[in-house]
Amino acid sequence: MARDLIRKLGTVQNSIVQGNVSGVNCTPFEIRTTAAIKRLWLKVSGTLASATNAATAAQLYQVARLLSSIQLRVNQAQGPISVDGLTLLYKNFKDYGVIPVQADAAVTQAAAKAFSGNLCIDFSIPHYAGGDLTLFMPKLGNLYTLELSLAAATALLTPANAGESTFDGPITIEVWAQEVVGLAPRKNKYNAAYLITDTGLVGANAAYSVKIPYGTLLNELHIHTMVAAAYDGAVVDNIIFRNGQAEIFRNVTTSFIQAFADFVNPLVRPTVTPAGVYFLDLAINNDLSSLLLTAGMKELELLFNGLKTGTIKVLVNELRDGLD
């Protein structure tokens, strides 16, 4: 009989030591299991110090900013997860209605301050009644590695204080898993997520296009708009999601998207949906049959009414077929 198992898989090694400012690539962490994986958790902690003993102010969600790249790779090639910490944190916010526990740290003069936080990589569809049908089923003989990149310490403090920041010791990254043990290997579906970053929007543009890969089952598109690495809710004001000229799936203002998101997902949360973050949910009822099948489409794109120069990030959530 299948059963749930939650356990610690290990700790990701990195070379951060006291006094470091620069970011690093962590040692690839091998995921060793033959069980189906429902989700992975990253439990992260560290300490910050001030280079000149000045008081500093923290950026919001420091752990998410620290993890500048999160990839689950298969046989050293791109795998089902390719995101950054902030887009993953807001995906957790969309899925569960709350920000994962975060403890940010400002530095007061010479005192080092601890920071910590958690992030969840979910292969199942949250709240879907048949959730065990959407699991990541490792294939015997494949190599699965979790590869993380850490940003510089300057990314964790506000721009006015960024030059003050250093790491005061190692960064600890624990990897935990929720597995389903006892399932026979089978070809089922799982939720994959990857990030498209577009920096081509320059000035006002009434029909700025970002192409979306097609051929899979699309679940959700999460759109993030930024100016100079800061979230900005005035980069675009209308979004069309369409299959070329043939079909329009969404034609909505950004203000409607945010109001609608807060209406249909009224769970207890620390804030409403942040400015510059827009969720296009293509399966509002969490029904696998209502996902958007894009096989056979010719041109899948997001069309933005751009208001000013900015960066657009699109987190694509799709259902893929295992075994992988």
Protein backbone atom coordinates (compact mmCIF):
# COMPACT_ATOMS: atom_id res chain seq x y z
CA MET A 1 0.00 0.00 0.00
CA ALA A 2 1.27 3.48 -0.89
CA ARG A 3 2.09 5.82 1.97
CA ASP A 4 3.43 9.34 2.48
CA LEU A 5 6.98 9.79 3.74
CA ILE A 6 8.49 13.14 4.75
CA ARG A 7 12.25 13.12 5.30
CA LYS A 8 15.40 15.20 5.04
CA LEU A 9 17.42 14.31 1.94
CA GLY A 10 20.53 16.22 2.95
CA THR A 11 22.27 19.60 2.87
CA VAL A 12 23.45 21.51 -0.20
CA GLN A 13 27.14 22.38 0.06
CA ASN A 14 28.40 25.87 -0.79
CA SER A 15 31.61 27.85 -0.30
CA ILE A 16 30.21 30.91 1.49
CA VAL A 17 32.34 31.82 4.54
CA GLN A 18 32.55 34.76 6.92
CA GLY A 19 33.32 38.00 5.11
CA ASN A 20 32.14 36.87 1.67
CA VAL A 21 30.17 39.37 -0.39
CA SER A 22 30.01 37.67 -3.80
CA GLY A 23 27.51 34.97 -4.70
CA VAL A 24 28.46 31.40 -5.66
CA ASN A 25 27.17 28.33 -7.45
CA CYS A 26 26.47 25.56 -4.94
CA THR A 27 27.76 22.02 -5.32
CA PRO A 28 25.12 20.05 -7.31
CA PHE A 29 22.96 18.07 -4.88
CA GLU A 30 21.96 14.61 -6.04
CA ILE A 31 18.35 13.61 -5.40
CA ARG A 32 18.55 9.94 -4.49
CA THR A 33 15.20 8.21 -4.31
CA THR A 34 13.17 5.63 -6.15
CA ALA A 35 9.89 6.88 -4.65
CA ALA A 36 7.48 9.26 -6.34
CA ILE A 37 8.12 12.86 -5.23
CA LYS A 38 5.18 15.07 -4.32
CA ARG A 39 7.21 18.12 -3.34
CA LEU A 40 10.63 19.30 -2.21
CA TRP A 41 11.24 21.90 0.49
CA LEU A 42 14.27 24.17 0.77
CA LYS A 43 15.00 25.29 4.33
CA VAL A 44 17.59 28.09 4.20
CA SER A 45 19.40 30.08 6.88
CA GLY A 46 22.42 32.34 7.23
CA THR A 47 23.72 35.52 8.86
CA LEU A 48 24.49 39.00 7.58
CA ALA A 49 26.98 41.52 8.89
CA SER A 50 27.67 45.17 8.12
CA ALA A 51 31.01 45.95 6.48
CA THR A 52 31.33 49.38 8.16
CA ASN A 53 29.23 48.82 11.29
CA ALA A 54 26.45 50.99 9.87
CA ALA A 55 22.80 50.21 10.55
CA THR A 56 21.10 48.68 7.49
CA ALA A 57 17.62 47.91 6.18
CA ALA A 58 16.60 44.48 4.89
CA GLN A 59 15.10 43.68 1.52
CA LEU A 60 11.82 41.80 1.79
CA TYR A 61 12.09 38.00 1.40
CA GLN A 62 15.87 37.66 1.66
CA VAL A 63 16.02 33.89 1.17
CA ALA A 64 14.07 34.17 -2.08
CA ARG A 65 16.45 36.91 -3.26
CA LEU A 66 19.46 34.85 -2.21
CA LEU A 67 18.45 31.90 -4.43
CA SER A 68 19.07 33.51 -7.81
CA SER A 69 18.69 30.20 -9.68
CA ILE A 70 16.95 26.94 -8.74
CA GLN A 71 17.19 24.09 -11.22
CA LEU A 72 16.33 20.41 -11.08
CA ARG A 73 18.35 18.83 -13.87
CA VAL A 74 18.08 15.37 -15.39
CA ASN A 75 21.31 13.72 -16.60
CA GLN A 76 22.97 17.18 -16.53
CA ALA A 77 20.39 18.61 -18.96
CA GLN A 78 17.55 21.01 -18.26
CA GLY A 79 14.88 19.26 -16.24
CA PRO A 80 11.41 20.01 -14.88
CA ILE A 81 12.33 22.99 -12.67
CA SER A 82 14.16 26.15 -13.77
CA VAL A 83 13.15 29.18 -11.67
CA ASP A 84 14.54 31.81 -9.33
CA GLY A 85 13.73 32.28 -5.67
CA LEU A 86 11.29 35.17 -6.00
CA THR A 87 9.20 33.60 -8.75
CA LEU A 88 9.07 30.37 -6.73
CA LEU A 89 8.06 32.25 -3.58
CA TYR A 90 5.17 33.94 -5.41
CA LYS A 91 4.17 30.60 -6.92
CA ASN A 92 3.93 29.26 -3.36
CA PHE A 93 1.83 32.34 -2.53
CA LYS A 94 -0.50 31.59 -5.46
CA ASP A 95 -0.76 27.88 -4.63
CA TYR A 96 -1.34 28.14 -0.88
CA GLY A 97 -2.52 31.71 -0.25
CA VAL A 98 0.34 32.56 2.12
CA ILE A 99 4.00 33.49 1.80
CA PRO A 100 6.22 30.67 3.12
CA VAL A 101 7.75 31.47 6.51
CA GLN A 102 10.50 34.08 6.10
CA ALA A 103 12.60 35.86 8.74
CA ASP A 104 14.48 38.77 7.21
CA ALA A 105 17.44 40.47 8.88
CA ALA A 106 18.57 44.05 8.98
CA VAL A 107 21.97 44.64 10.55
CA THR A 108 22.27 47.04 13.47
CA GLN A 109 25.79 48.39 13.61
CA ALA A 110 28.32 45.64 14.37
CA ALA A 111 25.84 42.92 15.33
CA ALA A 112 25.41 40.07 12.86
CA LYS A 113 21.80 39.16 12.24
CA ALA A 114 20.32 35.79 11.26
CA PHE A 115 17.91 35.37 8.36
CA SER A 116 15.97 32.31 7.28
CA GLY A 117 13.16 31.14 5.05
CA ASN A 118 11.48 28.23 3.29
CA LEU A 119 10.48 27.55 -0.30
CA CYS A 120 8.46 24.70 -1.81
CA ILE A 121 8.98 22.99 -5.18
CA ASP A 122 5.63 21.34 -5.89
CA PHE A 123 5.20 18.59 -8.50
CA SER A 124 1.57 17.98 -7.57
CA ILE A 125 -1.30 20.34 -8.30
CA PRO A 126 -2.18 21.92 -4.94
CA HIS A 127 -5.81 21.45 -3.83
CA TYR A 128 -6.50 19.02 -6.69
CA ALA A 129 -8.62 16.17 -5.32
CA GLY A 130 -6.64 13.53 -7.23
CA GLY A 131 -3.29 14.99 -6.23
CA ASP A 132 -1.51 11.65 -6.20
CA LEU A 133 -2.05 11.48 -9.95
CA THR A 134 0.39 14.39 -10.36
CA LEU A 135 3.71 13.22 -8.95
CA PHE A 136 7.28 13.31 -10.17
CA MET A 137 8.23 9.67 -10.75
CA PRO A 138 12.03 9.24 -11.03
CA LYS A 139 13.21 6.83 -13.70
CA LEU A 140 15.69 4.17 -12.66
CA GLY A 141 19.15 4.95 -14.04
CA ASN A 142 18.66 8.71 -14.43
CA LEU A 143 20.74 11.25 -12.50
CA TYR A 144 18.73 14.01 -10.80
CA THR A 145 20.60 17.01 -9.42
CA LEU A 146 19.32 20.10 -7.65
CA GLU A 147 21.56 22.99 -8.74
CA LEU A 148 21.36 26.28 -6.82
CA SER A 149 23.06 29.64 -7.37
CA LEU A 150 23.38 32.15 -4.54
CA ALA A 151 23.23 35.91 -5.15
CA ALA A 152 25.68 38.36 -3.64
CA ALA A 153 25.09 39.60 -0.09
CA THR A 154 24.28 43.03 -1.55
CA ALA A 155 21.00 41.62 -2.92
CA LEU A 156 19.68 41.11 0.60
CA LEU A 157 19.70 44.74 1.73
CA THR A 158 17.88 47.76 0.30
CA PRO A 159 19.77 49.60 -2.48
CA ALA A 160 20.76 52.40 -0.11
CA ASN A 161 22.44 49.88 2.21
CA ALA A 162 23.61 47.26 -0.28
CA GLY A 163 27.27 48.24 -0.04
CA GLU A 164 27.28 47.49 3.69
CA SER A 165 26.36 43.82 3.40
CA THR A 166 28.58 40.77 3.89
CA PHE A 167 27.82 37.18 4.79
CA ASP A 168 28.85 36.44 8.36
CA GLY A 169 29.26 32.69 7.91
CA PRO A 170 28.08 29.69 5.91
CA ILE A 171 24.68 29.49 4.24
CA THR A 172 22.78 26.36 5.31
CA ILE A 173 20.40 24.86 2.75
CA GLU A 174 18.50 21.75 3.83
CA VAL A 175 16.55 19.73 1.26
CA TRP A 176 13.43 17.94 2.49
CA ALA A 177 11.06 15.75 0.49
CA GLN A 178 7.50 14.52 0.66
CA GLU A 179 7.44 11.19 -1.16
CA VAL A 180 4.81 8.59 -1.92
CA VAL A 181 6.37 5.23 -1.15
CA GLY A 182 5.05 1.97 -2.57
CA LEU A 183 3.69 3.18 -5.90
CA ALA A 184 4.59 0.98 -8.83
CA PRO A 185 6.50 2.85 -11.57
CA ARG A 186 4.00 4.33 -13.96
CA LYS A 187 3.73 7.02 -16.59
CA ASN A 188 1.75 9.77 -14.93
CA LYS A 189 1.78 13.57 -15.09
CA TYR A 190 3.59 16.08 -12.92
CA ASN A 191 3.78 19.86 -12.62
CA ALA A 192 6.89 21.44 -14.17
CA ALA A 193 7.87 25.12 -13.98
CA TYR A 194 10.37 27.14 -15.95
CA LEU A 195 11.14 30.83 -16.31
CA ILE A 196 11.22 33.00 -19.44
CA THR A 197 12.97 36.36 -18.91
CA ASP A 198 12.41 39.08 -21.52
CA THR A 199 14.26 42.42 -21.38
CA GLY A 200 13.19 43.77 -24.77
CA LEU A 201 10.40 46.14 -23.69
CA VAL A 202 11.75 49.66 -24.30
CA GLY A 203 9.37 52.56 -23.75
CA ALA A 204 5.67 52.42 -24.56
CA ASN A 205 4.64 49.57 -26.87
CA ALA A 206 0.97 48.78 -27.46
CA ALA A 207 1.59 45.24 -28.75
CA TYR A 208 4.70 43.81 -27.11
CA SER A 209 4.90 40.04 -27.66
CA VAL A 210 6.52 37.32 -25.55
CA LYS A 211 6.42 33.87 -27.15
CA ILE A 212 5.35 30.87 -25.04
CA PRO A 213 6.49 27.34 -26.02
CA TYR A 214 3.65 25.03 -27.02
CA GLY A 215 3.03 21.29 -27.26
CA THR A 216 2.16 20.53 -23.62
CA LEU A 217 -0.71 20.96 -21.15
CA LEU A 218 -0.52 24.49 -19.73
CA ASN A 219 -1.67 24.98 -16.16
CA GLU A 220 -0.77 28.56 -15.21
CA LEU A 221 1.26 31.55 -16.39
CA HIS A 222 2.72 33.82 -13.71
CA ILE A 223 3.83 37.21 -15.02
CA HIS A 224 6.31 39.40 -13.15
CA THR A 225 7.11 42.97 -14.26
CA MET A 226 10.18 44.80 -12.97
CA VAL A 227 12.21 47.97 -13.41
CA ALA A 228 15.88 47.86 -12.38
CA ALA A 229 15.33 44.57 -10.49
CA ALA A 230 12.45 46.04 -8.43
CA TYR A 231 8.85 44.90 -8.88
CA ASP A 232 6.79 47.56 -10.66
CA GLY A 233 3.03 47.53 -11.26
CA ALA A 234 3.11 50.19 -13.99
CA VAL A 235 5.13 48.42 -16.70
CA VAL A 236 2.07 46.95 -18.48
CA ASP A 237 -1.68 47.44 -18.04
CA ASN A 238 -3.28 44.87 -20.35
CA ILE A 239 -2.41 41.26 -21.19
CA ILE A 240 -3.70 39.13 -24.06
CA PHE A 241 -2.91 35.42 -24.17
CA ARG A 242 -3.60 33.94 -27.58
CA ASN A 243 -2.86 31.30 -30.19
CA GLY A 244 -1.74 33.67 -32.94
CA GLN A 245 -4.79 35.19 -34.63
CA ALA A 246 -6.84 32.02 -34.21
CA GLU A 247 -7.92 32.01 -30.54
CA ILE A 248 -7.84 34.39 -27.60
CA PHE A 249 -7.78 32.73 -24.16
CA ARG A 250 -7.39 35.82 -21.97
CA ASN A 251 -7.80 39.56 -22.64
CA VAL A 252 -7.61 41.25 -19.28
CA THR A 253 -6.33 44.35 -17.54
CA THR A 254 -3.70 43.92 -14.85
CA SER A 255 -6.01 45.56 -12.30
CA PHE A 256 -8.69 42.94 -13.03
CA ILE A 257 -6.17 40.08 -12.71
CA GLN A 258 -5.14 41.22 -9.25
CA ALA A 259 -8.70 41.85 -8.06
CA PHE A 260 -9.84 38.50 -9.43
CA ALA A 261 -6.92 36.63 -7.83
CA ASP A 262 -7.77 38.05 -4.42
CA PHE A 263 -11.44 37.15 -4.91
CA VAL A 264 -11.05 33.50 -5.96
CA ASN A 265 -8.26 32.67 -3.50
CA PRO A 266 -9.45 34.34 -0.27
CA LEU A 267 -7.18 32.45 2.12
CA VAL A 268 -5.50 34.15 5.05
CA ARG A 269 -2.50 35.98 3.63
CA PRO A 270 -0.11 38.71 4.79
CA THR A 271 -0.89 40.99 1.84
CA VAL A 272 -2.94 41.09 -1.34
CA THR A 273 -1.24 40.03 -4.56
CA PRO A 274 1.90 42.23 -4.89
CA ALA A 275 2.13 44.96 -7.51
CA GLY A 276 3.82 43.69 -10.66
CA VAL A 277 2.75 40.06 -10.12
CA TYR A 278 -0.08 38.67 -12.26
CA PHE A 279 -1.47 35.12 -12.24
CA LEU A 280 -3.20 33.70 -15.32
CA ASP A 281 -4.84 30.49 -14.10
CA LEU A 282 -5.88 28.26 -16.99
CA ALA A 283 -7.56 25.64 -14.78
CA ILE A 284 -9.46 27.58 -12.15
CA ASN A 285 -11.29 24.49 -10.90
CA ASN A 286 -8.07 22.48 -10.55
CA ASP A 287 -9.50 20.04 -13.07
CA LEU A 288 -6.98 18.23 -15.27
CA SER A 289 -9.49 18.11 -18.11
CA SER A 290 -9.70 21.92 -18.23
CA LEU A 291 -5.98 22.57 -18.76
CA LEU A 292 -4.99 24.15 -22.07
CA LEU A 293 -3.75 21.56 -24.56
CA THR A 294 -1.30 23.41 -26.83
CA ALA A 295 -0.27 20.53 -29.10
CA GLY A 296 -0.83 21.52 -32.72
CA MET A 297 -0.87 25.25 -32.05
CA LYS A 298 1.17 27.48 -34.36
CA GLU A 299 2.01 30.55 -32.31
CA LEU A 300 1.35 30.87 -28.59
CA GLU A 301 2.08 34.31 -27.18
CA LEU A 302 1.45 36.88 -24.49
CA LEU A 303 0.68 40.31 -25.92
CA PHE A 304 1.24 43.23 -23.56
CA ASN A 305 0.23 46.86 -23.65
CA GLY A 306 3.62 48.14 -22.50
CA LEU A 307 3.74 51.47 -20.68
CA LYS A 308 7.48 51.90 -20.10
CA THR A 309 10.86 50.17 -20.24
CA GLY A 310 10.99 47.11 -18.02
CA THR A 311 11.71 43.42 -17.63
CA ILE A 312 8.98 40.81 -18.02
CA LYS A 313 9.40 37.40 -16.43
CA VAL A 314 6.94 34.62 -17.23
CA LEU A 315 6.84 31.53 -15.05
CA VAL A 316 5.33 28.77 -17.19
CA ASN A 317 3.58 26.00 -15.25
CA GLU A 318 2.77 22.95 -17.35
CA LEU A 319 1.89 19.31 -16.87
CA ARG A 320 4.40 16.91 -18.35
CA ASP A 321 4.33 13.16 -18.83
CA GLY A 322 6.62 10.98 -16.66
CA LEU A 323 8.63 8.86 -16.31
CA ASP A 324 11.55 11.34 -16.51
